[in-house]
Amino acid sequence: MDFWRVEDITADQRLLLRAEMKLPGWAWLEFSIDANEDASNTLSVRAYYQPSGFLGKVYWYACYPFHSIIFQDLIEQIERRSQEPEHNL
């Protein structure tokens, strides 16, 4: 998956990916699925970042405004693809 390595996985609940790209720090991306009372599920995406030094903090705050846009698009793509027939996944 490009620059991501699976760090932890719990079937049907959680996927934690660690960034392998060059960053001024360490980054993780977590996907989690929570069951709702109406038998539907909610998919959440969270980014975690541990900056390394001043440049790490600058990097995080420079990218921060774009995260909600990127992650919302990512969730919408996952939702759209999950509704396609299996042979298109």
C-alpha atoms as a PDB file:
ATOM      1  CA  MET A   1       0.000   0.000   0.000  1.00  0.00           C
ATOM      2  CA  ASP A   2       2.357   2.658  -1.251  1.00  0.00           C
ATOM      3  CA  PHE A   3       4.168   4.048   1.787  1.00  0.00           C
ATOM      4  CA  TRP A   4       2.199   2.297   4.517  1.00  0.00           C
ATOM      5  CA  ARG A   5       2.948  -0.879   6.494  1.00  0.00           C
ATOM      6  CA  VAL A   6       0.373  -2.776   8.527  1.00  0.00           C
ATOM      7  CA  GLU A   7       1.294  -2.253  12.162  1.00  0.00           C
ATOM      8  CA  ASP A   8      -1.738  -3.900  13.786  1.00  0.00           C
ATOM      9  CA  ILE A   9      -5.003  -5.445  12.669  1.00  0.00           C
ATOM     10  CA  THR A  10      -8.117  -6.725  14.419  1.00  0.00           C
ATOM     11  CA  ALA A  11     -10.491  -8.437  11.979  1.00  0.00           C
ATOM     12  CA  ASP A  12     -13.659  -6.446  11.259  1.00  0.00           C
ATOM     13  CA  GLN A  13     -12.678  -3.767  13.816  1.00  0.00           C
ATOM     14  CA  ARG A  14      -9.360  -2.008  13.324  1.00  0.00           C
ATOM     15  CA  LEU A  15      -6.472  -1.493  10.922  1.00  0.00           C
ATOM     16  CA  LEU A  16      -3.407   0.485  12.001  1.00  0.00           C
ATOM     17  CA  LEU A  17      -0.930   1.541   9.320  1.00  0.00           C
ATOM     18  CA  ARG A  18       2.517   3.050   9.922  1.00  0.00           C
ATOM     19  CA  ALA A  19       3.976   5.491   7.404  1.00  0.00           C
ATOM     20  CA  GLU A  20       7.224   4.410   5.785  1.00  0.00           C
ATOM     21  CA  MET A  21       7.771   7.639   3.879  1.00  0.00           C
ATOM     22  CA  LYS A  22      10.462  10.096   4.900  1.00  0.00           C
ATOM     23  CA  LEU A  23       8.914  12.414   7.466  1.00  0.00           C
ATOM     24  CA  PRO A  24      10.257  14.590  10.249  1.00  0.00           C
ATOM     25  CA  GLY A  25       8.623  12.251  12.737  1.00  0.00           C
ATOM     26  CA  TRP A  26       6.499   9.102  12.855  1.00  0.00           C
ATOM     27  CA  ALA A  27       2.967   8.783  11.488  1.00  0.00           C
ATOM     28  CA  TRP A  28       0.146   6.264  11.794  1.00  0.00           C
ATOM     29  CA  LEU A  29      -3.228   5.996  10.123  1.00  0.00           C
ATOM     30  CA  GLU A  30      -5.971   4.102  11.950  1.00  0.00           C
ATOM     31  CA  PHE A  31      -9.191   2.794  10.411  1.00  0.00           C
ATOM     32  CA  SER A  32     -11.813   1.559  12.852  1.00  0.00           C
ATOM     33  CA  ILE A  33     -15.309   0.156  12.405  1.00  0.00           C
ATOM     34  CA  ASP A  34     -17.882   0.636  15.147  1.00  0.00           C
ATOM     35  CA  ALA A  35     -21.261  -1.095  15.219  1.00  0.00           C
ATOM     36  CA  ASN A  36     -24.310   1.137  15.614  1.00  0.00           C
ATOM     37  CA  GLU A  37     -27.578   0.290  17.361  1.00  0.00           C
ATOM     38  CA  ASP A  38     -29.433   0.165  14.025  1.00  0.00           C
ATOM     39  CA  ALA A  39     -27.178  -2.685  12.750  1.00  0.00           C
ATOM     40  CA  SER A  40     -25.186  -0.303  10.536  1.00  0.00           C
ATOM     41  CA  ASN A  41     -21.478   0.431  10.953  1.00  0.00           C
ATOM     42  CA  THR A  42     -19.458   3.632  11.229  1.00  0.00           C
ATOM     43  CA  LEU A  43     -16.013   3.852   9.659  1.00  0.00           C
ATOM     44  CA  SER A  44     -13.562   6.267  11.289  1.00  0.00           C
ATOM     45  CA  VAL A  45     -10.119   7.349  10.146  1.00  0.00           C
ATOM     46  CA  ARG A  46      -7.635   8.896  12.555  1.00  0.00           C
ATOM     47  CA  ALA A  47      -4.148  10.206  11.927  1.00  0.00           C
ATOM     48  CA  TYR A  48      -1.524  10.106  14.640  1.00  0.00           C
ATOM     49  CA  TYR A  49       1.758  11.916  14.352  1.00  0.00           C
ATOM     50  CA  GLN A  50       4.758  12.074  16.644  1.00  0.00           C
ATOM     51  CA  PRO A  51       6.898  14.979  15.445  1.00  0.00           C
ATOM     52  CA  SER A  52      10.659  14.899  15.585  1.00  0.00           C
ATOM     53  CA  GLY A  53      11.990  18.319  16.500  1.00  0.00           C
ATOM     54  CA  PHE A  54      10.911  21.719  15.247  1.00  0.00           C
ATOM     55  CA  LEU A  55      10.605  20.642  11.585  1.00  0.00           C
ATOM     56  CA  GLY A  56       8.269  17.844  12.628  1.00  0.00           C
ATOM     57  CA  LYS A  57       5.922  20.323  14.280  1.00  0.00           C
ATOM     58  CA  VAL A  58       6.075  22.670  11.279  1.00  0.00           C
ATOM     59  CA  TYR A  59       5.266  19.751   8.966  1.00  0.00           C
ATOM     60  CA  TRP A  60       2.264  18.656  11.055  1.00  0.00           C
ATOM     61  CA  TYR A  61       0.706  22.105  11.338  1.00  0.00           C
ATOM     62  CA  ALA A  62       1.323  22.846   7.652  1.00  0.00           C
ATOM     63  CA  CYS A  63      -0.515  19.648   6.647  1.00  0.00           C
ATOM     64  CA  TYR A  64      -3.211  19.818   9.321  1.00  0.00           C
ATOM     65  CA  PRO A  65      -5.792  21.879   7.343  1.00  0.00           C
ATOM     66  CA  PHE A  66      -5.752  19.351   4.505  1.00  0.00           C
ATOM     67  CA  HIS A  67      -6.291  16.240   6.618  1.00  0.00           C
ATOM     68  CA  SER A  68     -10.062  16.591   7.016  1.00  0.00           C
ATOM     69  CA  ILE A  69     -10.451  17.044   3.243  1.00  0.00           C
ATOM     70  CA  ILE A  70      -8.189  14.115   2.402  1.00  0.00           C
ATOM     71  CA  PHE A  71      -9.712  11.767   4.974  1.00  0.00           C
ATOM     72  CA  GLN A  72     -13.307  12.659   4.074  1.00  0.00           C
ATOM     73  CA  ASP A  73     -12.547  11.882   0.428  1.00  0.00           C
ATOM     74  CA  LEU A  74     -10.855   8.645   1.466  1.00  0.00           C
ATOM     75  CA  ILE A  75     -13.893   7.512   3.471  1.00  0.00           C
ATOM     76  CA  GLU A  76     -16.230   8.408   0.587  1.00  0.00           C
ATOM     77  CA  GLN A  77     -14.118   6.369  -1.836  1.00  0.00           C
ATOM     78  CA  ILE A  78     -14.102   3.382   0.521  1.00  0.00           C
ATOM     79  CA  GLU A  79     -17.872   3.638   0.938  1.00  0.00           C
ATOM     80  CA  ARG A  80     -18.427   3.894  -2.825  1.00  0.00           C
ATOM     81  CA  ARG A  81     -16.152   0.950  -3.579  1.00  0.00           C
ATOM     82  CA  SER A  82     -17.699  -1.175  -0.838  1.00  0.00           C
ATOM     83  CA  GLN A  83     -21.021  -0.937  -2.677  1.00  0.00           C
ATOM     84  CA  GLU A  84     -19.586  -2.174  -5.979  1.00  0.00           C
ATOM     85  CA  PRO A  85     -19.805  -5.830  -6.973  1.00  0.00           C
ATOM     86  CA  GLU A  86     -16.910  -7.863  -5.547  1.00  0.00           C
ATOM     87  CA  HIS A  87     -15.182  -8.335  -8.911  1.00  0.00           C
ATOM     88  CA  ASN A  88     -14.578  -4.558  -9.100  1.00  0.00           C
ATOM     89  CA  LEU A  89     -12.819  -4.241  -5.730  1.00  0.00           C
END
